[in-house]
Amino acid sequence: MKKTITSLAAFALLASAIPAHAQEINLAPTAATVNDSKLPTSAPSQVINPRAKVSWNSVPGAAYYDVYVNNLTTNQLYQYSRQSSLIFESGYLTSGHDYIIVVNALDSNFNKIASGHTQQFKAIYHNLWTIYLS
């Protein structure tokens, strides 16, 4: 008779978020308290595989959104996306590394009309493993 002990944990993005908005500089992903802009600012607040998922409200006059995922541990741009969608899901993040996500709202002539960012957050990964005992 076999007994199975399974330890499960998922990859988690730990983030703390404080929303902030401004038509010029502060726009950021995910819901939060908003001042006057349509672009919420907060860090990814969901526990999601090894990815970060952020969303925001549309900005009046915005045709596109540039999304930058910056790896603060390596001081490198990890991912870039230009999109019209109000939702973004990053690629697989590296466990133990610190990240920040920046979102810029662009008009149809590609002029930046609003910008914001998440607070710094750390990607943390926990293994999934199974032990069989006889």
C-alpha atoms as a PDB file:
ATOM      1  CA  MET A   1       0.000   0.000   0.000  1.00  0.00           C
ATOM      2  CA  LYS A   2       1.431   3.304  -1.045  1.00  0.00           C
ATOM      3  CA  LYS A   3       0.983   6.530   0.802  1.00  0.00           C
ATOM      4  CA  THR A   4       1.361   9.740  -1.066  1.00  0.00           C
ATOM      5  CA  ILE A   5       2.408  12.982   0.481  1.00  0.00           C
ATOM      6  CA  THR A   6       2.083  15.899  -1.811  1.00  0.00           C
ATOM      7  CA  SER A   7       3.404  19.314  -1.112  1.00  0.00           C
ATOM      8  CA  LEU A   8       1.947  21.957  -3.289  1.00  0.00           C
ATOM      9  CA  ALA A   9       2.699  25.552  -3.621  1.00  0.00           C
ATOM     10  CA  ALA A  10       2.365  27.851  -6.523  1.00  0.00           C
ATOM     11  CA  PHE A  11       4.515  30.491  -7.944  1.00  0.00           C
ATOM     12  CA  ALA A  12       3.478  33.705  -6.330  1.00  0.00           C
ATOM     13  CA  LEU A  13       4.018  37.322  -7.015  1.00  0.00           C
ATOM     14  CA  LEU A  14       4.189  39.147  -3.769  1.00  0.00           C
ATOM     15  CA  ALA A  15       3.352  42.743  -4.197  1.00  0.00           C
ATOM     16  CA  SER A  16       2.158  45.635  -2.236  1.00  0.00           C
ATOM     17  CA  ALA A  17       0.272  48.283  -4.057  1.00  0.00           C
ATOM     18  CA  ILE A  18      -0.545  51.873  -3.563  1.00  0.00           C
ATOM     19  CA  PRO A  19      -2.539  53.379  -6.384  1.00  0.00           C
ATOM     20  CA  ALA A  20      -1.705  56.749  -7.808  1.00  0.00           C
ATOM     21  CA  HIS A  21      -2.926  58.618 -10.883  1.00  0.00           C
ATOM     22  CA  ALA A  22      -2.026  61.662 -12.815  1.00  0.00           C
ATOM     23  CA  GLN A  23      -2.551  62.560 -16.432  1.00  0.00           C
ATOM     24  CA  GLU A  24       1.160  63.177 -16.913  1.00  0.00           C
ATOM     25  CA  ILE A  25       3.102  60.763 -14.850  1.00  0.00           C
ATOM     26  CA  ASN A  26       1.104  58.312 -12.810  1.00  0.00           C
ATOM     27  CA  LEU A  27      -0.705  55.491 -14.497  1.00  0.00           C
ATOM     28  CA  ALA A  28      -0.422  51.968 -13.427  1.00  0.00           C
ATOM     29  CA  PRO A  29      -1.819  48.544 -13.735  1.00  0.00           C
ATOM     30  CA  THR A  30      -4.545  46.942 -11.686  1.00  0.00           C
ATOM     31  CA  ALA A  31      -7.403  48.371  -9.722  1.00  0.00           C
ATOM     32  CA  ALA A  32      -6.846  50.765  -6.875  1.00  0.00           C
ATOM     33  CA  THR A  33      -7.920  54.106  -5.551  1.00  0.00           C
ATOM     34  CA  VAL A  34      -7.894  56.684  -8.279  1.00  0.00           C
ATOM     35  CA  ASN A  35      -7.544  60.454  -8.114  1.00  0.00           C
ATOM     36  CA  ASP A  36      -8.675  61.844 -11.451  1.00  0.00           C
ATOM     37  CA  SER A  37      -7.100  59.682 -14.118  1.00  0.00           C
ATOM     38  CA  LYS A  38      -8.511  56.512 -15.557  1.00  0.00           C
ATOM     39  CA  LEU A  39      -5.208  54.743 -15.093  1.00  0.00           C
ATOM     40  CA  PRO A  40      -4.983  52.969 -11.746  1.00  0.00           C
ATOM     41  CA  THR A  41      -1.631  52.341 -10.141  1.00  0.00           C
ATOM     42  CA  SER A  42      -0.797  49.313  -8.089  1.00  0.00           C
ATOM     43  CA  ALA A  43       1.373  46.270  -8.144  1.00  0.00           C
ATOM     44  CA  PRO A  44       0.031  42.944  -9.349  1.00  0.00           C
ATOM     45  CA  SER A  45      -2.274  41.870  -6.565  1.00  0.00           C
ATOM     46  CA  GLN A  46      -3.024  38.349  -7.709  1.00  0.00           C
ATOM     47  CA  VAL A  47      -1.129  35.158  -7.019  1.00  0.00           C
ATOM     48  CA  ILE A  48      -0.552  33.888 -10.514  1.00  0.00           C
ATOM     49  CA  ASN A  49       1.686  31.126 -11.783  1.00  0.00           C
ATOM     50  CA  PRO A  50       5.096  32.597 -12.565  1.00  0.00           C
ATOM     51  CA  ARG A  51       3.540  35.639 -14.237  1.00  0.00           C
ATOM     52  CA  ALA A  52       2.238  39.054 -13.306  1.00  0.00           C
ATOM     53  CA  LYS A  53      -1.164  40.155 -14.549  1.00  0.00           C
ATOM     54  CA  VAL A  54      -2.169  43.807 -14.511  1.00  0.00           C
ATOM     55  CA  SER A  55      -5.145  45.765 -15.808  1.00  0.00           C
ATOM     56  CA  TRP A  56      -6.244  49.387 -15.873  1.00  0.00           C
ATOM     57  CA  ASN A  57      -9.124  51.619 -16.945  1.00  0.00           C
ATOM     58  CA  SER A  58      -9.025  53.295 -20.350  1.00  0.00           C
ATOM     59  CA  VAL A  59      -7.527  56.769 -20.587  1.00  0.00           C
ATOM     60  CA  PRO A  60      -9.531  59.320 -22.599  1.00  0.00           C
ATOM     61  CA  GLY A  61      -7.718  59.914 -25.893  1.00  0.00           C
ATOM     62  CA  ALA A  62      -5.465  56.877 -25.544  1.00  0.00           C
ATOM     63  CA  ALA A  63      -5.140  54.631 -28.584  1.00  0.00           C
ATOM     64  CA  TYR A  64      -2.297  52.439 -27.329  1.00  0.00           C
ATOM     65  CA  TYR A  65      -0.576  51.427 -24.125  1.00  0.00           C
ATOM     66  CA  ASP A  66       3.133  50.693 -23.850  1.00  0.00           C
ATOM     67  CA  VAL A  67       3.861  48.189 -21.083  1.00  0.00           C
ATOM     68  CA  TYR A  68       7.379  47.699 -19.722  1.00  0.00           C
ATOM     69  CA  VAL A  69       8.343  44.939 -17.284  1.00  0.00           C
ATOM     70  CA  ASN A  70      11.634  45.931 -15.686  1.00  0.00           C
ATOM     71  CA  ASN A  71      13.795  43.427 -13.801  1.00  0.00           C
ATOM     72  CA  LEU A  72      15.282  45.542 -11.011  1.00  0.00           C
ATOM     73  CA  THR A  73      17.597  42.735  -9.876  1.00  0.00           C
ATOM     74  CA  THR A  74      19.437  42.664 -13.214  1.00  0.00           C
ATOM     75  CA  ASN A  75      18.641  46.284 -14.065  1.00  0.00           C
ATOM     76  CA  GLN A  76      17.324  45.208 -17.478  1.00  0.00           C
ATOM     77  CA  LEU A  77      14.116  45.549 -19.442  1.00  0.00           C
ATOM     78  CA  TYR A  78      12.540  42.091 -19.250  1.00  0.00           C
ATOM     79  CA  GLN A  79       9.535  42.570 -21.532  1.00  0.00           C
ATOM     80  CA  TYR A  80       7.882  45.245 -23.702  1.00  0.00           C
ATOM     81  CA  SER A  81       4.443  45.302 -25.292  1.00  0.00           C
ATOM     82  CA  ARG A  82       2.511  47.930 -27.287  1.00  0.00           C
ATOM     83  CA  GLN A  83      -1.178  47.118 -27.194  1.00  0.00           C
ATOM     84  CA  SER A  84      -4.681  48.534 -27.227  1.00  0.00           C
ATOM     85  CA  SER A  85      -5.898  46.061 -24.608  1.00  0.00           C
ATOM     86  CA  LEU A  86      -6.407  47.121 -20.988  1.00  0.00           C
ATOM     87  CA  ILE A  87      -5.019  43.834 -19.627  1.00  0.00           C
ATOM     88  CA  PHE A  88      -1.438  42.605 -19.694  1.00  0.00           C
ATOM     89  CA  GLU A  89       0.088  39.301 -18.576  1.00  0.00           C
ATOM     90  CA  SER A  90       3.854  39.088 -18.365  1.00  0.00           C
ATOM     91  CA  GLY A  91       6.061  36.248 -19.453  1.00  0.00           C
ATOM     92  CA  TYR A  92       7.547  33.892 -16.866  1.00  0.00           C
ATOM     93  CA  LEU A  93       9.327  35.859 -14.151  1.00  0.00           C
ATOM     94  CA  THR A  94      12.490  34.741 -12.360  1.00  0.00           C
ATOM     95  CA  SER A  95      12.013  33.656  -8.762  1.00  0.00           C
ATOM     96  CA  GLY A  96      13.723  35.906  -6.245  1.00  0.00           C
ATOM     97  CA  HIS A  97      14.012  38.833  -8.635  1.00  0.00           C
ATOM     98  CA  ASP A  98      12.438  42.244  -8.036  1.00  0.00           C
ATOM     99  CA  TYR A  99      10.280  43.797 -10.752  1.00  0.00           C
ATOM    100  CA  ILE A 100       8.325  46.934 -11.571  1.00  0.00           C
ATOM    101  CA  ILE A 101       5.782  47.357 -14.373  1.00  0.00           C
ATOM    102  CA  VAL A 102       5.378  50.702 -16.153  1.00  0.00           C
ATOM    103  CA  VAL A 103       2.396  51.565 -18.370  1.00  0.00           C
ATOM    104  CA  ASN A 104       2.339  54.589 -20.694  1.00  0.00           C
ATOM    105  CA  ALA A 105      -0.872  55.700 -22.428  1.00  0.00           C
ATOM    106  CA  LEU A 106      -0.303  56.964 -25.996  1.00  0.00           C
ATOM    107  CA  ASP A 107      -2.591  58.938 -28.294  1.00  0.00           C
ATOM    108  CA  SER A 108      -3.065  57.994 -31.967  1.00  0.00           C
ATOM    109  CA  ASN A 109       0.107  59.949 -32.873  1.00  0.00           C
ATOM    110  CA  PHE A 110       2.086  57.944 -30.290  1.00  0.00           C
ATOM    111  CA  ASN A 111       2.466  60.895 -27.906  1.00  0.00           C
ATOM    112  CA  LYS A 112       2.553  59.917 -24.228  1.00  0.00           C
ATOM    113  CA  ILE A 113      -0.531  61.328 -22.497  1.00  0.00           C
ATOM    114  CA  ALA A 114      -0.396  59.454 -19.174  1.00  0.00           C
ATOM    115  CA  SER A 115       1.991  57.194 -17.343  1.00  0.00           C
ATOM    116  CA  GLY A 116       2.131  55.141 -14.184  1.00  0.00           C
ATOM    117  CA  HIS A 117       3.820  52.177 -12.578  1.00  0.00           C
ATOM    118  CA  THR A 118       3.426  49.490  -9.987  1.00  0.00           C
ATOM    119  CA  GLN A 119       5.406  49.453  -6.815  1.00  0.00           C
ATOM    120  CA  GLN A 120       8.384  47.138  -6.701  1.00  0.00           C
ATOM    121  CA  PHE A 121       7.449  43.481  -6.172  1.00  0.00           C
ATOM    122  CA  LYS A 122       9.360  40.212  -5.817  1.00  0.00           C
ATOM    123  CA  ALA A 123       8.622  37.032  -7.752  1.00  0.00           C
ATOM    124  CA  ILE A 124       8.718  33.979  -5.488  1.00  0.00           C
ATOM    125  CA  TYR A 125       8.530  30.372  -6.650  1.00  0.00           C
ATOM    126  CA  HIS A 126       7.760  27.303  -4.563  1.00  0.00           C
ATOM    127  CA  ASN A 127       8.235  23.779  -5.868  1.00  0.00           C
ATOM    128  CA  LEU A 128       5.582  21.181  -6.487  1.00  0.00           C
ATOM    129  CA  TRP A 129       6.743  17.767  -5.389  1.00  0.00           C
ATOM    130  CA  THR A 130       5.395  14.356  -4.434  1.00  0.00           C
ATOM    131  CA  ILE A 131       6.912  11.737  -2.112  1.00  0.00           C
ATOM    132  CA  TYR A 132       5.869   8.091  -2.313  1.00  0.00           C
ATOM    133  CA  LEU A 133       6.251   5.988   0.852  1.00  0.00           C
ATOM    134  CA  SER A 134       6.046   2.215   0.725  1.00  0.00           C
END
